[in-house]
Amino acid sequence: MLCLEFTIPPLPQFVTVGFAVWSPGDRHFARTFGVYDLLVVKRGTLYMAEQDREYAVGPGKMLVLEAGLPHEGYRSCEEDTEIYWVHFIHDGKPAYIRQEEIPWSSLLSRGTVEDEEPSAQQRLYLPKFASVDLEVLEPILQEMNEIHSRLNAGNALRLHVQLAAFMAALQEECARTALPEPAARLARAAAAYLDQHWREPFQLAGLQEELHFQADYITRCMKQHIGTTPLQYVLHLRLEEAKKLLGGTVLGIPEIAERTGIRDPNYMTRLFKARFGLTPGAYRRRLRHRE
């Protein structure tokens, strides 16, 4: 499955939403549109072409027609066809990525009280053309249409929230239907285990026993599909927790080291400085100075 990859923030911005029943013989006119046109078909088939690619969008399928690309109906509807559409805009041009190549488990830095901008590492993934679960999506689309039909200053924000929920549901559908190769599944299983045990003393033997694979193979799989070794993954979690405790508590460095599973405070200080460019104490002083 091909997906569109958008950099977020900003999130896509809502333009309009609608629902229609197209009769036999109806056909979409040709246009080059300045917004994204996301189509979801409930019943019947809509025949759309974008540039030189043709799509038969049947029941339970969705298609994203991209801003700036010409599209038109290449064939008329043959039966009553029920269609939802959502128009949105986004400042950046999307990249294309195969579903199986999406790095779902890649680690991202968490925001802290020090940050003045959101992380630029975040991505939104939308299927280009795919089957979807109408039982999940249709209630959101119906709610969006209901709000849009009686739009006012009091409910406008809800419409934008629903757009975000709709896109989150599409992305979850994309992740749910992904069929990663065995090595990717093992990498995710290892990450899930470490998410639960990162405060404990790090031992590759625990991973081996839990996952029934040799430590060297687990390490290679995590490095390939997540970008870190098991130890690097654990240290990332520990140092992110240390940042949170430095900014949100008055705990001393030894106590923070203990709470994050790092027995030696001096070792934590060295790790922290190597990762963030300053010692834990300097990091805390900078936070307090900004306050």
Protein backbone atom coordinates (compact mmCIF):
# COMPACT_ATOMS: atom_id res chain seq x y z
CA MET A 1 0.00 0.00 0.00
CA LEU A 2 1.29 3.46 -0.91
CA CYS A 3 0.90 6.14 1.76
CA LEU A 4 1.29 9.91 1.84
CA GLU A 5 3.70 11.17 4.49
CA PHE A 6 2.99 14.65 5.89
CA THR A 7 5.26 16.50 8.30
CA ILE A 8 3.36 17.62 11.41
CA PRO A 9 2.82 20.09 12.94
CA PRO A 10 0.98 21.82 11.47
CA LEU A 11 -1.89 19.39 11.15
CA PRO A 12 -3.91 19.41 7.92
CA GLN A 13 -6.50 22.19 7.99
CA PHE A 14 -10.20 21.56 7.41
CA VAL A 15 -11.87 23.14 4.35
CA THR A 16 -15.18 21.34 3.87
CA VAL A 17 -16.95 18.00 4.17
CA GLY A 18 -19.96 16.46 2.45
CA PHE A 19 -22.02 13.44 1.52
CA ALA A 20 -23.82 12.78 -1.77
CA VAL A 21 -25.53 10.06 -3.76
CA TRP A 22 -24.44 9.98 -7.39
CA SER A 23 -26.91 8.50 -9.87
CA PRO A 24 -26.11 6.13 -12.74
CA GLY A 25 -24.53 8.17 -15.53
CA ASP A 26 -23.00 10.76 -13.18
CA ARG A 27 -19.32 11.39 -13.73
CA HIS A 28 -16.83 13.63 -11.94
CA PHE A 29 -15.79 16.67 -13.97
CA ALA A 30 -12.15 17.44 -14.79
CA ARG A 31 -10.30 19.92 -12.60
CA THR A 32 -6.98 20.78 -10.98
CA PHE A 33 -7.81 21.59 -7.39
CA GLY A 34 -5.78 23.54 -4.84
CA VAL A 35 -6.84 21.32 -1.92
CA TYR A 36 -6.66 17.64 -1.05
CA ASP A 37 -9.88 15.77 -1.82
CA LEU A 38 -10.28 12.66 0.35
CA LEU A 39 -13.04 10.39 -0.94
CA VAL A 40 -14.70 7.50 0.92
CA VAL A 41 -17.26 5.37 -0.93
CA LYS A 42 -20.00 3.66 1.06
CA ARG A 43 -21.95 2.08 -1.82
CA GLY A 44 -21.44 1.77 -5.56
CA THR A 45 -18.21 2.63 -7.40
CA LEU A 46 -16.66 5.97 -8.29
CA TYR A 47 -14.23 5.91 -11.21
CA MET A 48 -11.51 8.53 -10.79
CA ALA A 49 -8.30 9.27 -12.68
CA GLU A 50 -5.44 11.37 -11.31
CA GLN A 51 -2.89 12.29 -13.93
CA ASP A 52 -2.43 8.97 -15.77
CA ARG A 53 -3.52 6.65 -12.93
CA GLU A 54 -7.07 5.22 -12.77
CA TYR A 55 -8.81 4.20 -9.53
CA ALA A 56 -12.07 2.26 -9.18
CA VAL A 57 -13.14 3.39 -5.71
CA GLY A 58 -15.65 0.77 -4.64
CA PRO A 59 -17.56 0.18 -1.40
CA GLY A 60 -15.37 0.51 1.67
CA LYS A 61 -12.51 2.13 -0.23
CA MET A 62 -10.90 5.55 0.07
CA LEU A 63 -8.76 7.68 -2.22
CA VAL A 64 -6.77 10.85 -1.59
CA LEU A 65 -6.67 13.14 -4.63
CA GLU A 66 -3.69 15.42 -4.20
CA ALA A 67 -3.62 19.19 -4.30
CA GLY A 68 -2.32 20.55 -7.58
CA LEU A 69 -2.71 17.32 -9.56
CA PRO A 70 -5.37 17.12 -12.30
CA HIS A 71 -8.17 14.62 -11.73
CA GLU A 72 -11.44 13.64 -13.41
CA GLY A 73 -13.93 10.83 -13.68
CA TYR A 74 -12.80 8.43 -16.37
CA ARG A 75 -16.10 6.54 -16.37
CA SER A 76 -19.67 7.18 -15.28
CA CYS A 77 -21.24 5.62 -12.21
CA GLU A 78 -23.24 2.49 -13.08
CA GLU A 79 -25.44 2.47 -9.95
CA ASP A 80 -26.40 4.75 -7.09
CA THR A 81 -23.08 5.59 -5.46
CA GLU A 82 -22.87 7.00 -1.93
CA ILE A 83 -19.80 9.15 -1.34
CA TYR A 84 -18.28 11.07 1.55
CA TRP A 85 -15.66 13.68 0.81
CA VAL A 86 -13.34 15.74 2.99
CA HIS A 87 -11.35 18.66 1.63
CA PHE A 88 -8.26 19.80 3.50
CA ILE A 89 -5.07 21.75 2.94
CA HIS A 90 -1.51 21.29 4.17
CA ASP A 91 1.43 23.60 3.62
CA GLY A 92 4.04 20.95 2.91
CA LYS A 93 4.27 18.65 -0.09
CA PRO A 94 3.84 15.04 1.02
CA ALA A 95 6.39 12.33 0.43
CA TYR A 96 5.44 8.85 -0.73
CA ILE A 97 6.23 5.81 1.38
CA ARG A 98 5.26 2.15 1.22
CA GLN A 99 3.17 0.95 4.14
CA GLU A 100 5.72 -1.68 5.10
CA GLU A 101 8.50 0.93 5.23
CA ILE A 102 6.80 3.23 7.75
CA PRO A 103 8.97 3.37 10.90
CA TRP A 104 6.08 2.99 13.36
CA SER A 105 8.36 2.17 16.28
CA SER A 106 11.00 4.84 15.72
CA LEU A 107 11.75 6.80 18.88
CA LEU A 108 10.88 10.50 19.03
CA SER A 109 12.04 13.06 21.55
CA ARG A 110 9.35 14.08 23.99
CA GLY A 111 8.60 17.76 24.55
CA THR A 112 9.84 19.33 27.76
CA VAL A 113 9.26 22.58 29.63
CA GLU A 114 12.43 23.87 27.97
CA ASP A 115 11.17 23.56 24.40
CA GLU A 116 9.90 26.60 22.54
CA GLU A 117 8.89 24.75 19.38
CA PRO A 118 7.29 21.36 18.71
CA SER A 119 9.47 18.56 17.43
CA ALA A 120 9.97 18.54 13.66
CA GLN A 121 10.34 14.75 13.61
CA GLN A 122 6.63 13.91 13.67
CA ARG A 123 4.78 12.50 10.68
CA LEU A 124 1.20 11.78 9.62
CA TYR A 125 0.62 8.84 7.29
CA LEU A 126 -2.49 8.58 5.12
CA PRO A 127 -3.21 5.74 2.69
CA LYS A 128 -3.32 6.93 -0.91
CA PHE A 129 -5.83 4.30 -2.04
CA ALA A 130 -6.99 1.57 0.29
CA SER A 131 -9.80 -0.44 1.83
CA VAL A 132 -11.00 1.03 5.13
CA ASP A 133 -13.29 0.05 7.99
CA LEU A 134 -16.52 2.01 7.46
CA GLU A 135 -17.79 1.02 10.90
CA VAL A 136 -14.95 3.04 12.37
CA LEU A 137 -14.85 5.94 9.90
CA GLU A 138 -18.50 6.57 9.09
CA PRO A 139 -19.53 7.77 12.58
CA ILE A 140 -16.74 10.37 12.44
CA LEU A 141 -17.77 11.48 8.95
CA GLN A 142 -21.41 11.71 9.99
CA GLU A 143 -20.47 13.82 13.00
CA MET A 144 -18.40 16.11 10.79
CA ASN A 145 -21.31 16.53 8.39
CA GLU A 146 -23.69 17.24 11.26
CA ILE A 147 -21.43 19.93 12.73
CA HIS A 148 -20.82 21.43 9.29
CA SER A 149 -24.55 21.67 8.58
CA ARG A 150 -25.05 23.92 11.63
CA LEU A 151 -21.62 25.53 11.85
CA ASN A 152 -21.27 28.40 14.27
CA ALA A 153 -18.67 30.06 16.48
CA GLY A 154 -19.47 27.66 19.29
CA ASN A 155 -18.87 24.38 17.45
CA ALA A 156 -16.22 25.27 14.84
CA LEU A 157 -13.39 23.90 16.97
CA ARG A 158 -15.18 20.54 17.25
CA LEU A 159 -15.09 20.22 13.47
CA HIS A 160 -11.31 20.60 13.40
CA VAL A 161 -10.97 18.13 16.27
CA GLN A 162 -13.08 15.63 14.31
CA LEU A 163 -10.83 16.08 11.27
CA ALA A 164 -7.83 15.15 13.42
CA ALA A 165 -9.74 12.14 14.81
CA PHE A 166 -10.65 11.06 11.27
CA MET A 167 -7.03 11.19 10.12
CA ALA A 168 -5.86 9.40 13.26
CA ALA A 169 -8.34 6.62 12.49
CA LEU A 170 -7.04 6.36 8.92
CA GLN A 171 -3.47 6.16 10.15
CA GLU A 172 -4.39 3.49 12.70
CA GLU A 173 -6.05 1.55 9.89
CA CYS A 174 -2.82 1.82 7.92
CA ALA A 175 -0.79 0.55 10.87
CA ARG A 176 -3.27 -2.22 11.71
CA THR A 177 -3.25 -3.72 8.23
CA ALA A 178 0.53 -3.61 7.89
CA LEU A 179 2.08 -7.06 7.67
CA PRO A 180 5.71 -6.52 8.72
CA GLU A 181 8.34 -9.08 7.97
CA PRO A 182 9.38 -11.38 10.83
CA ALA A 183 12.44 -9.26 11.65
CA ALA A 184 10.27 -6.14 12.03
CA ARG A 185 7.81 -8.02 14.25
CA LEU A 186 10.67 -9.17 16.44
CA ALA A 187 12.02 -5.61 16.70
CA ARG A 188 8.61 -4.35 17.81
CA ALA A 189 8.26 -7.17 20.32
CA ALA A 190 11.67 -6.34 21.76
CA ALA A 191 10.75 -2.65 22.03
CA ALA A 192 7.47 -3.54 23.74
CA TYR A 193 9.33 -5.68 26.28
CA LEU A 194 11.84 -2.91 26.97
CA ASP A 195 9.02 -0.37 27.36
CA GLN A 196 7.86 -2.41 30.35
CA HIS A 197 11.26 -3.21 31.87
CA TRP A 198 13.52 -0.21 31.19
CA ARG A 199 13.82 0.70 34.89
CA GLU A 200 15.23 -2.72 35.68
CA PRO A 201 18.95 -3.56 35.29
CA PHE A 202 19.60 -4.00 31.58
CA GLN A 203 20.20 -7.62 30.61
CA LEU A 204 20.10 -9.03 27.11
CA ALA A 205 19.44 -12.41 28.68
CA GLY A 206 15.96 -11.22 29.66
CA LEU A 207 15.21 -10.37 26.05
CA GLN A 208 16.49 -13.72 24.87
CA GLU A 209 14.37 -15.59 27.37
CA GLU A 210 11.25 -13.56 26.61
CA LEU A 211 11.49 -13.63 22.82
CA HIS A 212 13.30 -16.96 22.27
CA PHE A 213 15.90 -15.49 19.90
CA GLN A 214 19.62 -14.93 20.26
CA ALA A 215 20.63 -11.50 21.58
CA ASP A 216 22.78 -10.72 18.51
CA TYR A 217 19.83 -11.33 16.18
CA ILE A 218 17.45 -9.23 18.32
CA THR A 219 20.01 -6.42 18.29
CA ARG A 220 20.37 -6.56 14.50
CA CYS A 221 16.58 -6.48 14.04
CA MET A 222 16.13 -3.50 16.36
CA LYS A 223 18.98 -1.63 14.70
CA GLN A 224 17.49 -2.24 11.26
CA HIS A 225 13.83 -1.50 11.99
CA ILE A 226 13.92 0.96 14.92
CA GLY A 227 17.33 2.51 14.48
CA THR A 228 18.77 1.65 17.90
CA THR A 229 20.25 -1.28 19.75
CA PRO A 230 18.35 -2.59 22.80
CA LEU A 231 20.74 -0.74 25.15
CA GLN A 232 20.41 2.51 23.20
CA TYR A 233 16.62 2.13 23.31
CA VAL A 234 16.66 1.72 27.10
CA LEU A 235 19.03 4.66 27.56
CA HIS A 236 16.76 6.84 25.45
CA LEU A 237 13.81 6.03 27.71
CA ARG A 238 15.86 6.63 30.85
CA LEU A 239 17.27 9.97 29.72
CA GLU A 240 13.87 11.23 28.57
CA GLU A 241 12.51 10.35 32.02
CA ALA A 242 15.47 12.13 33.62
CA LYS A 243 14.64 15.29 31.66
CA LYS A 244 11.07 15.14 32.92
CA LEU A 245 12.15 14.68 36.53
CA LEU A 246 14.71 17.49 36.31
CA GLY A 247 12.08 19.89 35.09
CA GLY A 248 9.14 18.76 37.21
CA THR A 249 10.61 17.79 40.58
CA VAL A 250 13.20 18.95 43.13
CA LEU A 251 14.79 15.50 43.35
CA GLY A 252 18.56 15.39 43.50
CA ILE A 253 20.68 13.89 40.75
CA PRO A 254 21.35 10.64 42.69
CA GLU A 255 17.61 10.14 43.28
CA ILE A 256 16.83 10.80 39.64
CA ALA A 257 19.51 8.37 38.56
CA GLU A 258 18.02 5.71 40.82
CA ARG A 259 14.48 6.33 39.57
CA THR A 260 15.58 6.00 35.96
CA GLY A 261 17.43 2.73 36.54
CA ILE A 262 20.94 4.20 36.33
CA ARG A 263 22.79 3.11 39.45
CA ASP A 264 25.74 5.53 39.15
CA PRO A 265 24.83 9.28 39.18
CA ASN A 266 28.18 10.15 37.59
CA TYR A 267 27.44 7.77 34.73
CA MET A 268 24.02 9.36 34.27
CA THR A 269 25.67 12.79 34.16
CA ARG A 270 28.06 11.62 31.44
CA LEU A 271 25.23 10.07 29.42
CA PHE A 272 23.05 13.13 29.82
CA LYS A 273 25.80 15.52 28.71
CA ALA A 274 26.69 13.35 25.72
CA ARG A 275 23.03 13.24 24.64
CA PHE A 276 21.87 16.80 25.35
CA GLY A 277 25.08 18.84 25.44
CA LEU A 278 24.94 19.89 29.11
CA THR A 279 24.96 18.30 32.54
CA PRO A 280 21.73 17.54 34.43
CA GLY A 281 22.50 20.35 36.87
CA ALA A 282 23.09 22.86 34.08
CA TYR A 283 19.90 21.71 32.36
CA ARG A 284 17.87 22.29 35.54
CA ARG A 285 19.43 25.72 36.12
CA ARG A 286 18.60 26.77 32.59
CA LEU A 287 14.99 25.72 33.08
CA ARG A 288 14.72 27.71 36.30
CA HIS A 289 16.33 30.75 34.69
CA ARG A 290 13.67 30.71 31.96
CA GLU A 291 10.91 30.60 34.55
